Amino acid sequence: MQCVTLAEKYTWYLEKMRRKHERKFGPPPPVPRSEHIELPWDYNSELYGFGKRLGEDFNEHTLRVAFTHKEFVQQEAEKRRELGMESSQTELNLQDNEELAEIGQDFASEYIKSYLRLVYPNFPDEGVKSVSDHLTGVELTSHIGSNLGAEDLIQYPIYPYPREVVQKTLHAVVGALLEQGADRAGLFVRDMFLPQLIGKDINDLWKIEDPMTILVNILEQRGQGLPEARMIRQTGSSTLVGMYMVGIYSDKKLLGFAPGESVLEAEDQATRVALKNIFGTNPESSPPIPVDGNAGKQMHHSAIEHLRQQNKLPQLQSGQQVNRTALAK
């Protein structure tokens, strides 16, 4: 007969009472991991572990600032005032991540644009900007930040944290990494942001309302003839499920073709395929974006060099230097 210890009985009783409480009052509200009393928590150790998981040597104070939001600083100052402390005593030696987030977002955006222009040199600036905005937008950045464990370290008064807070935190982490140099920050952006494009059609991230107008403008700039839509084949035109295949030609050269349930739909899709072929972004004929291996290294170094030639790195590093000065005070 198995003997049950007092500790096991106590654990069983606590679990029973917890389930009874949940049945009566519902599940408890979510709390940050740092407030789970059954789990050991040390913020300094977790902060150190975050950098090591990423393989980066962050400045500890700068990384702490990256996770500290303005609302948290204001809340702490308000708590001190409520305790009746004098104004000189209520001043906190805390800095929020506003500046780091702005610097990190600017760098991430410029690096992604530079990288994309190298991979897709014929892709228009409007398309490059749309892809960059998608990668640095709230949906993807909050997803990346959550999977990196950033939510465990965020200092913000409201939990669960809004996605915009996680987004700003990740941008601030990029800003903090700029202290190690643009090369390290660029590698972080390349390894965390750009792989989100794998398996996606980047053309879908740029919403083109009138593809034919864009195609006409491109062909005129190249000195080629105006595009002409021609029916290649059709089937079932007298039924409810007819299918039409339309090709787009210029100077008797096929630029692209696509099917559609109507002639207008097929022409629109064929025009979009023609643009993909001209831009070099057709996923059926173009290799995926390189983010590793020798090709990834070459693209990374070229992207950093391109930013340096455009005088964008010195501006970002200048802003980071101001931040360092503020941190030293």
C-alpha atoms as a PDB file:
ATOM      1  CA  MET A   1       0.000   0.000   0.000  1.00  0.00           C
ATOM      2  CA  GLN A   2       1.443   3.343  -1.076  1.00  0.00           C
ATOM      3  CA  CYS A   3       1.881   5.912   1.660  1.00  0.00           C
ATOM      4  CA  VAL A   4       0.757   9.463   0.846  1.00  0.00           C
ATOM      5  CA  THR A   5       2.893  12.177   2.405  1.00  0.00           C
ATOM      6  CA  LEU A   6       1.532  15.287   4.063  1.00  0.00           C
ATOM      7  CA  ALA A   7       3.013  17.461   1.299  1.00  0.00           C
ATOM      8  CA  GLU A   8       1.166  15.463  -1.377  1.00  0.00           C
ATOM      9  CA  LYS A   9      -2.112  15.788   0.538  1.00  0.00           C
ATOM     10  CA  TYR A  10      -1.569  19.534   0.849  1.00  0.00           C
ATOM     11  CA  THR A  11      -0.829  19.858  -2.880  1.00  0.00           C
ATOM     12  CA  TRP A  12      -3.933  17.844  -3.726  1.00  0.00           C
ATOM     13  CA  TYR A  13      -6.061  20.002  -1.436  1.00  0.00           C
ATOM     14  CA  LEU A  14      -4.764  23.263  -2.976  1.00  0.00           C
ATOM     15  CA  GLU A  15      -5.465  21.974  -6.487  1.00  0.00           C
ATOM     16  CA  LYS A  16      -8.960  20.945  -5.455  1.00  0.00           C
ATOM     17  CA  MET A  17      -9.692  24.377  -3.961  1.00  0.00           C
ATOM     18  CA  ARG A  18      -8.281  26.113  -7.052  1.00  0.00           C
ATOM     19  CA  ARG A  19     -10.567  24.172  -9.373  1.00  0.00           C
ATOM     20  CA  LYS A  20     -13.552  24.838  -7.094  1.00  0.00           C
ATOM     21  CA  HIS A  21     -12.766  28.553  -7.110  1.00  0.00           C
ATOM     22  CA  GLU A  22     -12.493  28.584 -10.923  1.00  0.00           C
ATOM     23  CA  ARG A  23     -15.839  26.807 -11.312  1.00  0.00           C
ATOM     24  CA  LYS A  24     -17.501  29.390  -9.097  1.00  0.00           C
ATOM     25  CA  PHE A  25     -15.776  32.619 -10.126  1.00  0.00           C
ATOM     26  CA  GLY A  26     -14.158  31.721 -13.451  1.00  0.00           C
ATOM     27  CA  PRO A  27     -10.454  31.541 -14.308  1.00  0.00           C
ATOM     28  CA  PRO A  28      -8.192  34.165 -12.707  1.00  0.00           C
ATOM     29  CA  PRO A  29      -7.066  37.117 -14.832  1.00  0.00           C
ATOM     30  CA  PRO A  30      -3.740  36.643 -16.605  1.00  0.00           C
ATOM     31  CA  VAL A  31      -0.697  37.961 -14.777  1.00  0.00           C
ATOM     32  CA  PRO A  32       2.894  38.465 -15.952  1.00  0.00           C
ATOM     33  CA  ARG A  33       5.293  35.613 -15.396  1.00  0.00           C
ATOM     34  CA  SER A  34       7.112  37.696 -12.806  1.00  0.00           C
ATOM     35  CA  GLU A  35       4.012  37.590 -10.558  1.00  0.00           C
ATOM     36  CA  HIS A  36       3.639  33.805 -10.540  1.00  0.00           C
ATOM     37  CA  ILE A  37       4.411  33.054  -6.900  1.00  0.00           C
ATOM     38  CA  GLU A  38       5.129  29.385  -7.614  1.00  0.00           C
ATOM     39  CA  LEU A  39       7.939  30.258 -10.040  1.00  0.00           C
ATOM     40  CA  PRO A  40      11.292  31.765  -9.019  1.00  0.00           C
ATOM     41  CA  TRP A  41      11.910  35.105 -10.701  1.00  0.00           C
ATOM     42  CA  ASP A  42      14.940  37.350 -10.896  1.00  0.00           C
ATOM     43  CA  TYR A  43      14.687  40.224 -13.366  1.00  0.00           C
ATOM     44  CA  ASN A  44      18.432  40.737 -13.691  1.00  0.00           C
ATOM     45  CA  SER A  45      19.005  37.070 -14.487  1.00  0.00           C
ATOM     46  CA  GLU A  46      16.161  37.031 -16.996  1.00  0.00           C
ATOM     47  CA  LEU A  47      17.537  40.175 -18.634  1.00  0.00           C
ATOM     48  CA  TYR A  48      20.962  38.562 -18.938  1.00  0.00           C
ATOM     49  CA  GLY A  49      19.437  35.353 -20.272  1.00  0.00           C
ATOM     50  CA  PHE A  50      17.488  37.229 -22.935  1.00  0.00           C
ATOM     51  CA  GLY A  51      20.690  38.597 -24.469  1.00  0.00           C
ATOM     52  CA  LYS A  52      22.423  35.236 -24.331  1.00  0.00           C
ATOM     53  CA  ARG A  53      19.491  33.471 -26.005  1.00  0.00           C
ATOM     54  CA  LEU A  54      19.923  35.853 -28.915  1.00  0.00           C
ATOM     55  CA  GLY A  55      23.703  35.391 -28.885  1.00  0.00           C
ATOM     56  CA  GLU A  56      24.239  39.114 -28.274  1.00  0.00           C
ATOM     57  CA  ASP A  57      26.267  41.041 -25.703  1.00  0.00           C
ATOM     58  CA  PHE A  58      23.942  43.882 -24.795  1.00  0.00           C
ATOM     59  CA  ASN A  59      24.842  46.700 -22.495  1.00  0.00           C
ATOM     60  CA  GLU A  60      22.784  45.691 -19.457  1.00  0.00           C
ATOM     61  CA  HIS A  61      21.596  49.199 -18.640  1.00  0.00           C
ATOM     62  CA  THR A  62      20.656  49.949 -22.256  1.00  0.00           C
ATOM     63  CA  LEU A  63      18.756  46.665 -22.557  1.00  0.00           C
ATOM     64  CA  ARG A  64      16.879  47.465 -19.348  1.00  0.00           C
ATOM     65  CA  VAL A  65      15.874  50.818 -20.838  1.00  0.00           C
ATOM     66  CA  ALA A  66      14.649  49.024 -23.987  1.00  0.00           C
ATOM     67  CA  PHE A  67      12.030  47.178 -21.898  1.00  0.00           C
ATOM     68  CA  THR A  68      10.975  50.199 -19.809  1.00  0.00           C
ATOM     69  CA  HIS A  69       8.027  52.113 -21.236  1.00  0.00           C
ATOM     70  CA  LYS A  70       7.067  55.696 -20.565  1.00  0.00           C
ATOM     71  CA  GLU A  71       3.765  54.653 -18.974  1.00  0.00           C
ATOM     72  CA  PHE A  72       5.628  52.500 -16.442  1.00  0.00           C
ATOM     73  CA  VAL A  73       7.919  55.377 -15.455  1.00  0.00           C
ATOM     74  CA  GLN A  74       4.913  57.654 -15.013  1.00  0.00           C
ATOM     75  CA  GLN A  75       3.144  55.039 -12.899  1.00  0.00           C
ATOM     76  CA  GLU A  76       6.140  54.611 -10.604  1.00  0.00           C
ATOM     77  CA  ALA A  77       6.436  58.370 -10.153  1.00  0.00           C
ATOM     78  CA  GLU A  78       2.730  58.583  -9.322  1.00  0.00           C
ATOM     79  CA  LYS A  79       3.083  55.843  -6.700  1.00  0.00           C
ATOM     80  CA  ARG A  80       5.808  57.837  -4.997  1.00  0.00           C
ATOM     81  CA  ARG A  81       3.714  60.975  -4.977  1.00  0.00           C
ATOM     82  CA  GLU A  82       0.794  59.061  -3.455  1.00  0.00           C
ATOM     83  CA  LEU A  83       3.090  58.005  -0.634  1.00  0.00           C
ATOM     84  CA  GLY A  84       3.623  61.678   0.170  1.00  0.00           C
ATOM     85  CA  MET A  85       7.258  61.790  -0.772  1.00  0.00           C
ATOM     86  CA  GLU A  86       8.768  65.186  -1.544  1.00  0.00           C
ATOM     87  CA  SER A  87       9.173  66.244  -5.175  1.00  0.00           C
ATOM     88  CA  SER A  88      12.938  65.900  -4.950  1.00  0.00           C
ATOM     89  CA  GLN A  89      12.506  62.361  -3.707  1.00  0.00           C
ATOM     90  CA  THR A  90       9.930  61.369  -6.301  1.00  0.00           C
ATOM     91  CA  GLU A  91      12.365  61.808  -9.185  1.00  0.00           C
ATOM     92  CA  LEU A  92      13.136  58.410 -10.615  1.00  0.00           C
ATOM     93  CA  ASN A  93      16.430  57.358 -12.078  1.00  0.00           C
ATOM     94  CA  LEU A  94      14.546  55.624 -14.890  1.00  0.00           C
ATOM     95  CA  GLN A  95      14.650  56.284 -18.610  1.00  0.00           C
ATOM     96  CA  ASP A  96      11.959  55.140 -20.993  1.00  0.00           C
ATOM     97  CA  ASN A  97      12.533  53.467 -24.346  1.00  0.00           C
ATOM     98  CA  GLU A  98      10.986  56.174 -26.548  1.00  0.00           C
ATOM     99  CA  GLU A  99      14.292  57.210 -28.120  1.00  0.00           C
ATOM    100  CA  LEU A 100      15.629  53.674 -28.500  1.00  0.00           C
ATOM    101  CA  ALA A 101      12.388  52.543 -30.154  1.00  0.00           C
ATOM    102  CA  GLU A 102      12.476  55.400 -32.641  1.00  0.00           C
ATOM    103  CA  ILE A 103      16.115  54.760 -33.539  1.00  0.00           C
ATOM    104  CA  GLY A 104      15.548  51.005 -33.800  1.00  0.00           C
ATOM    105  CA  GLN A 105      12.475  51.372 -36.002  1.00  0.00           C
ATOM    106  CA  ASP A 106      14.267  53.762 -38.345  1.00  0.00           C
ATOM    107  CA  PHE A 107      17.253  51.434 -38.660  1.00  0.00           C
ATOM    108  CA  ALA A 108      15.138  48.302 -39.184  1.00  0.00           C
ATOM    109  CA  SER A 109      13.078  50.026 -41.873  1.00  0.00           C
ATOM    110  CA  GLU A 110      16.098  51.407 -43.743  1.00  0.00           C
ATOM    111  CA  TYR A 111      18.003  48.117 -43.512  1.00  0.00           C
ATOM    112  CA  ILE A 112      15.058  46.096 -44.864  1.00  0.00           C
ATOM    113  CA  LYS A 113      14.587  48.541 -47.742  1.00  0.00           C
ATOM    114  CA  SER A 114      18.284  48.395 -48.603  1.00  0.00           C
ATOM    115  CA  TYR A 115      18.267  44.584 -48.472  1.00  0.00           C
ATOM    116  CA  LEU A 116      15.169  44.309 -50.660  1.00  0.00           C
ATOM    117  CA  ARG A 117      16.567  46.708 -53.259  1.00  0.00           C
ATOM    118  CA  LEU A 118      19.626  44.467 -53.573  1.00  0.00           C
ATOM    119  CA  VAL A 119      17.582  41.277 -53.933  1.00  0.00           C
ATOM    120  CA  TYR A 120      14.934  42.829 -56.205  1.00  0.00           C
ATOM    121  CA  PRO A 121      16.636  45.716 -58.048  1.00  0.00           C
ATOM    122  CA  ASN A 122      13.678  46.180 -60.437  1.00  0.00           C
ATOM    123  CA  PHE A 123      11.040  46.317 -57.693  1.00  0.00           C
ATOM    124  CA  PRO A 124       9.631  49.902 -57.425  1.00  0.00           C
ATOM    125  CA  ASP A 125      10.231  51.977 -54.297  1.00  0.00           C
ATOM    126  CA  GLU A 126       6.504  51.929 -53.508  1.00  0.00           C
ATOM    127  CA  GLY A 127       6.584  48.143 -53.380  1.00  0.00           C
ATOM    128  CA  VAL A 128       9.765  48.080 -51.296  1.00  0.00           C
ATOM    129  CA  LYS A 129       8.204  50.486 -48.797  1.00  0.00           C
ATOM    130  CA  SER A 130       5.032  48.408 -48.582  1.00  0.00           C
ATOM    131  CA  VAL A 131       7.024  45.251 -47.819  1.00  0.00           C
ATOM    132  CA  SER A 132       9.148  47.093 -45.245  1.00  0.00           C
ATOM    133  CA  ASP A 133       6.049  48.515 -43.565  1.00  0.00           C
ATOM    134  CA  HIS A 134       4.575  45.015 -43.422  1.00  0.00           C
ATOM    135  CA  LEU A 135       7.683  43.552 -41.790  1.00  0.00           C
ATOM    136  CA  THR A 136       7.998  46.343 -39.223  1.00  0.00           C
ATOM    137  CA  GLY A 137       4.244  46.571 -38.620  1.00  0.00           C
ATOM    138  CA  VAL A 138       2.517  45.723 -35.385  1.00  0.00           C
ATOM    139  CA  GLU A 139       1.300  42.243 -36.390  1.00  0.00           C
ATOM    140  CA  LEU A 140       4.663  40.730 -37.308  1.00  0.00           C
ATOM    141  CA  THR A 141       6.851  42.575 -34.799  1.00  0.00           C
ATOM    142  CA  SER A 142       4.564  41.698 -31.880  1.00  0.00           C
ATOM    143  CA  HIS A 143       4.625  38.065 -33.050  1.00  0.00           C
ATOM    144  CA  ILE A 144       8.429  38.070 -33.223  1.00  0.00           C
ATOM    145  CA  GLY A 145       8.777  39.786 -29.857  1.00  0.00           C
ATOM    146  CA  SER A 146       6.425  37.347 -28.145  1.00  0.00           C
ATOM    147  CA  ASN A 147       8.281  34.334 -29.522  1.00  0.00           C
ATOM    148  CA  LEU A 148      11.610  35.774 -28.347  1.00  0.00           C
ATOM    149  CA  GLY A 149      10.277  36.015 -24.793  1.00  0.00           C
ATOM    150  CA  ALA A 150      10.243  39.809 -24.708  1.00  0.00           C
ATOM    151  CA  GLU A 151       6.854  39.911 -22.969  1.00  0.00           C
ATOM    152  CA  ASP A 152       8.364  38.444 -19.794  1.00  0.00           C
ATOM    153  CA  LEU A 153      10.644  41.465 -19.411  1.00  0.00           C
ATOM    154  CA  ILE A 154       8.400  44.327 -20.511  1.00  0.00           C
ATOM    155  CA  GLN A 155       7.750  46.959 -17.845  1.00  0.00           C
ATOM    156  CA  TYR A 156       4.321  48.378 -18.619  1.00  0.00           C
ATOM    157  CA  PRO A 157       1.382  49.026 -16.250  1.00  0.00           C
ATOM    158  CA  ILE A 158      -1.280  47.067 -18.190  1.00  0.00           C
ATOM    159  CA  TYR A 159      -1.282  43.302 -18.746  1.00  0.00           C
ATOM    160  CA  PRO A 160      -1.855  41.569 -21.161  1.00  0.00           C
ATOM    161  CA  TYR A 161       0.331  43.968 -23.075  1.00  0.00           C
ATOM    162  CA  PRO A 162      -1.133  45.578 -26.205  1.00  0.00           C
ATOM    163  CA  ARG A 163       0.529  44.463 -29.414  1.00  0.00           C
ATOM    164  CA  GLU A 164       1.792  48.011 -29.990  1.00  0.00           C
ATOM    165  CA  VAL A 165       3.748  47.768 -26.728  1.00  0.00           C
ATOM    166  CA  VAL A 166       5.464  44.545 -27.821  1.00  0.00           C
ATOM    167  CA  GLN A 167       6.193  46.158 -31.197  1.00  0.00           C
ATOM    168  CA  LYS A 168       7.818  49.195 -29.585  1.00  0.00           C
ATOM    169  CA  THR A 169       9.819  46.916 -27.299  1.00  0.00           C
ATOM    170  CA  LEU A 170      11.282  44.953 -30.208  1.00  0.00           C
ATOM    171  CA  HIS A 171      12.202  48.169 -32.006  1.00  0.00           C
ATOM    172  CA  ALA A 172      13.875  49.376 -28.812  1.00  0.00           C
ATOM    173  CA  VAL A 173      15.855  46.123 -28.620  1.00  0.00           C
ATOM    174  CA  VAL A 174      17.136  46.835 -32.140  1.00  0.00           C
ATOM    175  CA  GLY A 175      18.053  50.339 -30.972  1.00  0.00           C
ATOM    176  CA  ALA A 176      19.907  48.896 -27.986  1.00  0.00           C
ATOM    177  CA  LEU A 177      21.766  46.503 -30.252  1.00  0.00           C
ATOM    178  CA  LEU A 178      23.014  49.432 -32.316  1.00  0.00           C
ATOM    179  CA  GLU A 179      25.443  50.090 -29.473  1.00  0.00           C
ATOM    180  CA  GLN A 180      27.301  47.009 -30.707  1.00  0.00           C
ATOM    181  CA  GLY A 181      27.409  48.513 -34.189  1.00  0.00           C
ATOM    182  CA  ALA A 182      25.236  48.582 -37.278  1.00  0.00           C
ATOM    183  CA  ASP A 183      26.607  45.218 -38.415  1.00  0.00           C
ATOM    184  CA  ARG A 184      25.240  43.362 -35.369  1.00  0.00           C
ATOM    185  CA  ALA A 185      21.933  45.213 -35.498  1.00  0.00           C
ATOM    186  CA  GLY A 186      21.619  44.472 -39.207  1.00  0.00           C
ATOM    187  CA  LEU A 187      22.205  40.762 -38.665  1.00  0.00           C
ATOM    188  CA  PHE A 188      19.493  40.734 -36.000  1.00  0.00           C
ATOM    189  CA  VAL A 189      17.017  42.415 -38.362  1.00  0.00           C
ATOM    190  CA  ARG A 190      17.965  40.065 -41.189  1.00  0.00           C
ATOM    191  CA  ASP A 191      17.617  36.923 -39.075  1.00  0.00           C
ATOM    192  CA  MET A 192      14.391  37.922 -37.300  1.00  0.00           C
ATOM    193  CA  PHE A 193      12.435  40.034 -39.774  1.00  0.00           C
ATOM    194  CA  LEU A 194      13.312  38.929 -43.305  1.00  0.00           C
ATOM    195  CA  PRO A 195      12.588  35.188 -42.818  1.00  0.00           C
ATOM    196  CA  GLN A 196       8.937  36.197 -42.385  1.00  0.00           C
ATOM    197  CA  LEU A 197       8.883  36.625 -46.183  1.00  0.00           C
ATOM    198  CA  ILE A 198       9.760  32.994 -46.872  1.00  0.00           C
ATOM    199  CA  GLY A 199       6.810  31.228 -48.459  1.00  0.00           C
ATOM    200  CA  LYS A 200       5.020  34.512 -49.169  1.00  0.00           C
ATOM    201  CA  ASP A 201       4.440  36.383 -52.404  1.00  0.00           C
ATOM    202  CA  ILE A 202       5.824  39.860 -51.737  1.00  0.00           C
ATOM    203  CA  ASN A 203       3.682  41.185 -54.567  1.00  0.00           C
ATOM    204  CA  ASP A 204       0.611  40.576 -52.398  1.00  0.00           C
ATOM    205  CA  LEU A 205       2.030  42.985 -49.805  1.00  0.00           C
ATOM    206  CA  TRP A 206       1.850  45.862 -52.287  1.00  0.00           C
ATOM    207  CA  LYS A 207      -1.768  46.650 -53.082  1.00  0.00           C
ATOM    208  CA  ILE A 208      -1.911  47.773 -56.735  1.00  0.00           C
ATOM    209  CA  GLU A 209      -5.244  49.289 -57.686  1.00  0.00           C
ATOM    210  CA  ASP A 210      -4.566  49.814 -61.420  1.00  0.00           C
ATOM    211  CA  PRO A 211      -1.850  47.421 -62.683  1.00  0.00           C
ATOM    212  CA  MET A 212      -2.377  48.335 -66.347  1.00  0.00           C
ATOM    213  CA  THR A 213      -1.494  51.987 -65.733  1.00  0.00           C
ATOM    214  CA  ILE A 214       1.724  50.992 -63.989  1.00  0.00           C
ATOM    215  CA  LEU A 215       2.595  48.606 -66.815  1.00  0.00           C
ATOM    216  CA  VAL A 216       1.992  51.297 -69.432  1.00  0.00           C
ATOM    217  CA  ASN A 217       4.249  53.746 -67.577  1.00  0.00           C
ATOM    218  CA  ILE A 218       7.044  51.194 -67.241  1.00  0.00           C
ATOM    219  CA  LEU A 219       6.941  50.244 -70.915  1.00  0.00           C
ATOM    220  CA  GLU A 220       6.937  53.903 -71.959  1.00  0.00           C
ATOM    221  CA  GLN A 221      10.000  54.541 -69.791  1.00  0.00           C
ATOM    222  CA  ARG A 222      11.728  51.599 -71.457  1.00  0.00           C
ATOM    223  CA  GLY A 223      10.749  52.753 -74.942  1.00  0.00           C
ATOM    224  CA  GLN A 224       8.678  49.641 -75.603  1.00  0.00           C
ATOM    225  CA  GLY A 225       5.308  49.409 -77.268  1.00  0.00           C
ATOM    226  CA  LEU A 226       2.072  49.727 -75.327  1.00  0.00           C
ATOM    227  CA  PRO A 227       0.708  46.511 -73.771  1.00  0.00           C
ATOM    228  CA  GLU A 228      -1.884  44.572 -75.710  1.00  0.00           C
ATOM    229  CA  ALA A 229      -4.211  41.950 -74.237  1.00  0.00           C
ATOM    230  CA  ARG A 230      -4.919  38.907 -76.421  1.00  0.00           C
ATOM    231  CA  MET A 231      -7.067  35.866 -75.854  1.00  0.00           C
ATOM    232  CA  ILE A 232      -4.856  32.773 -75.842  1.00  0.00           C
ATOM    233  CA  ARG A 233      -7.522  30.159 -75.241  1.00  0.00           C
ATOM    234  CA  GLN A 234     -10.952  29.742 -73.723  1.00  0.00           C
ATOM    235  CA  THR A 235     -13.208  26.926 -72.643  1.00  0.00           C
ATOM    236  CA  GLY A 236     -16.796  26.634 -71.483  1.00  0.00           C
ATOM    237  CA  SER A 237     -17.657  30.163 -72.569  1.00  0.00           C
ATOM    238  CA  SER A 238     -21.322  29.217 -72.950  1.00  0.00           C
ATOM    239  CA  THR A 239     -21.541  27.725 -69.444  1.00  0.00           C
ATOM    240  CA  LEU A 240     -21.539  29.148 -65.916  1.00  0.00           C
ATOM    241  CA  VAL A 241     -17.973  27.947 -65.294  1.00  0.00           C
ATOM    242  CA  GLY A 242     -16.220  29.384 -68.326  1.00  0.00           C
ATOM    243  CA  MET A 243     -12.470  29.866 -68.254  1.00  0.00           C
ATOM    244  CA  TYR A 244     -10.439  32.355 -70.253  1.00  0.00           C
ATOM    245  CA  MET A 245      -6.693  32.570 -70.730  1.00  0.00           C
ATOM    246  CA  VAL A 246      -5.386  36.060 -71.591  1.00  0.00           C
ATOM    247  CA  GLY A 247      -1.840  37.052 -72.451  1.00  0.00           C
ATOM    248  CA  ILE A 248      -0.252  40.531 -72.289  1.00  0.00           C
ATOM    249  CA  TYR A 249       2.036  41.351 -75.229  1.00  0.00           C
ATOM    250  CA  SER A 250       4.362  44.233 -76.032  1.00  0.00           C
ATOM    251  CA  ASP A 251       6.125  44.442 -79.399  1.00  0.00           C
ATOM    252  CA  LYS A 252       4.887  40.895 -80.129  1.00  0.00           C
ATOM    253  CA  LYS A 253       6.622  39.615 -76.976  1.00  0.00           C
ATOM    254  CA  LEU A 254       4.631  37.788 -74.296  1.00  0.00           C
ATOM    255  CA  LEU A 255       5.030  39.531 -70.932  1.00  0.00           C
ATOM    256  CA  GLY A 256       2.679  37.350 -68.912  1.00  0.00           C
ATOM    257  CA  PHE A 257      -0.494  35.321 -69.015  1.00  0.00           C
ATOM    258  CA  ALA A 258      -3.123  34.185 -66.518  1.00  0.00           C
ATOM    259  CA  PRO A 259      -6.560  32.548 -66.392  1.00  0.00           C
ATOM    260  CA  GLY A 260      -9.821  34.043 -65.164  1.00  0.00           C
ATOM    261  CA  GLU A 261     -13.532  33.361 -64.974  1.00  0.00           C
ATOM    262  CA  SER A 262     -14.133  36.394 -67.167  1.00  0.00           C
ATOM    263  CA  VAL A 263     -12.118  38.198 -69.822  1.00  0.00           C
ATOM    264  CA  LEU A 264     -11.671  41.256 -67.599  1.00  0.00           C
ATOM    265  CA  GLU A 265     -10.516  39.169 -64.642  1.00  0.00           C
ATOM    266  CA  ALA A 266      -8.065  37.235 -66.812  1.00  0.00           C
ATOM    267  CA  GLU A 267      -6.683  40.478 -68.272  1.00  0.00           C
ATOM    268  CA  ASP A 268      -6.200  41.957 -64.795  1.00  0.00           C
ATOM    269  CA  GLN A 269      -4.404  38.860 -63.513  1.00  0.00           C
ATOM    270  CA  ALA A 270      -2.266  38.624 -66.656  1.00  0.00           C
ATOM    271  CA  THR A 271      -1.220  42.257 -66.207  1.00  0.00           C
ATOM    272  CA  ARG A 272      -0.177  41.528 -62.633  1.00  0.00           C
ATOM    273  CA  VAL A 273       1.830  38.513 -63.789  1.00  0.00           C
ATOM    274  CA  ALA A 274       3.527  40.708 -66.392  1.00  0.00           C
ATOM    275  CA  LEU A 275       4.499  43.182 -63.663  1.00  0.00           C
ATOM    276  CA  LYS A 276       5.885  40.353 -61.506  1.00  0.00           C
ATOM    277  CA  ASN A 277       8.032  39.167 -64.425  1.00  0.00           C
ATOM    278  CA  ILE A 278       9.316  42.690 -65.065  1.00  0.00           C
ATOM    279  CA  PHE A 279      10.032  43.283 -61.365  1.00  0.00           C
ATOM    280  CA  GLY A 280      11.723  39.893 -60.968  1.00  0.00           C
ATOM    281  CA  THR A 281       9.417  39.025 -58.070  1.00  0.00           C
ATOM    282  CA  ASN A 282       7.445  36.166 -59.607  1.00  0.00           C
ATOM    283  CA  PRO A 283       7.654  33.360 -56.995  1.00  0.00           C
ATOM    284  CA  GLU A 284       7.328  30.754 -59.758  1.00  0.00           C
ATOM    285  CA  SER A 285      10.543  31.850 -61.453  1.00  0.00           C
ATOM    286  CA  SER A 286      12.499  33.733 -58.755  1.00  0.00           C
ATOM    287  CA  PRO A 287      14.394  32.050 -55.896  1.00  0.00           C
ATOM    288  CA  PRO A 288      13.363  32.858 -52.299  1.00  0.00           C
ATOM    289  CA  ILE A 289      15.031  35.783 -50.578  1.00  0.00           C
ATOM    290  CA  PRO A 290      18.490  34.724 -49.304  1.00  0.00           C
ATOM    291  CA  VAL A 291      18.872  35.157 -45.547  1.00  0.00           C
ATOM    292  CA  ASP A 292      21.630  32.689 -44.739  1.00  0.00           C
ATOM    293  CA  GLY A 293      24.748  31.135 -46.233  1.00  0.00           C
ATOM    294  CA  ASN A 294      27.219  33.014 -48.386  1.00  0.00           C
ATOM    295  CA  ALA A 295      24.442  34.765 -50.315  1.00  0.00           C
ATOM    296  CA  GLY A 296      22.929  36.069 -47.075  1.00  0.00           C
ATOM    297  CA  LYS A 297      26.309  37.308 -45.839  1.00  0.00           C
ATOM    298  CA  GLN A 298      27.003  39.089 -49.106  1.00  0.00           C
ATOM    299  CA  MET A 299      23.583  40.732 -49.135  1.00  0.00           C
ATOM    300  CA  HIS A 300      24.004  41.827 -45.525  1.00  0.00           C
ATOM    301  CA  HIS A 301      27.381  43.471 -46.084  1.00  0.00           C
ATOM    302  CA  SER A 302      26.124  45.112 -49.260  1.00  0.00           C
ATOM    303  CA  ALA A 303      23.047  46.449 -47.450  1.00  0.00           C
ATOM    304  CA  ILE A 304      25.175  47.974 -44.672  1.00  0.00           C
ATOM    305  CA  GLU A 305      27.548  49.479 -47.226  1.00  0.00           C
ATOM    306  CA  HIS A 306      24.611  50.896 -49.195  1.00  0.00           C
ATOM    307  CA  LEU A 307      23.267  52.574 -46.045  1.00  0.00           C
ATOM    308  CA  ARG A 308      26.701  53.965 -45.321  1.00  0.00           C
ATOM    309  CA  GLN A 309      26.987  55.403 -48.827  1.00  0.00           C
ATOM    310  CA  GLN A 310      23.535  56.963 -48.460  1.00  0.00           C
ATOM    311  CA  ASN A 311      24.720  58.676 -45.247  1.00  0.00           C
ATOM    312  CA  LYS A 312      21.965  56.969 -43.264  1.00  0.00           C
ATOM    313  CA  LEU A 313      24.115  54.986 -40.863  1.00  0.00           C
ATOM    314  CA  PRO A 314      25.941  58.054 -39.466  1.00  0.00           C
ATOM    315  CA  GLN A 315      22.581  59.723 -38.782  1.00  0.00           C
ATOM    316  CA  LEU A 316      21.286  56.710 -36.900  1.00  0.00           C
ATOM    317  CA  GLN A 317      24.528  56.246 -34.993  1.00  0.00           C
ATOM    318  CA  SER A 318      24.529  59.940 -34.148  1.00  0.00           C
ATOM    319  CA  GLY A 319      21.109  59.558 -32.583  1.00  0.00           C
ATOM    320  CA  GLN A 320      22.333  56.513 -30.693  1.00  0.00           C
ATOM    321  CA  GLN A 321      25.271  58.519 -29.374  1.00  0.00           C
ATOM    322  CA  VAL A 322      22.856  61.081 -27.940  1.00  0.00           C
ATOM    323  CA  ASN A 323      21.077  58.215 -26.223  1.00  0.00           C
ATOM    324  CA  ARG A 324      24.328  56.980 -24.708  1.00  0.00           C
ATOM    325  CA  THR A 325      24.971  60.417 -23.306  1.00  0.00           C
ATOM    326  CA  ALA A 326      21.539  60.433 -21.733  1.00  0.00           C
ATOM    327  CA  LEU A 327      22.156  57.002 -20.241  1.00  0.00           C
ATOM    328  CA  ALA A 328      25.394  58.144 -18.695  1.00  0.00           C
ATOM    329  CA  LYS A 329      23.702  60.940 -16.753  1.00  0.00           C
END
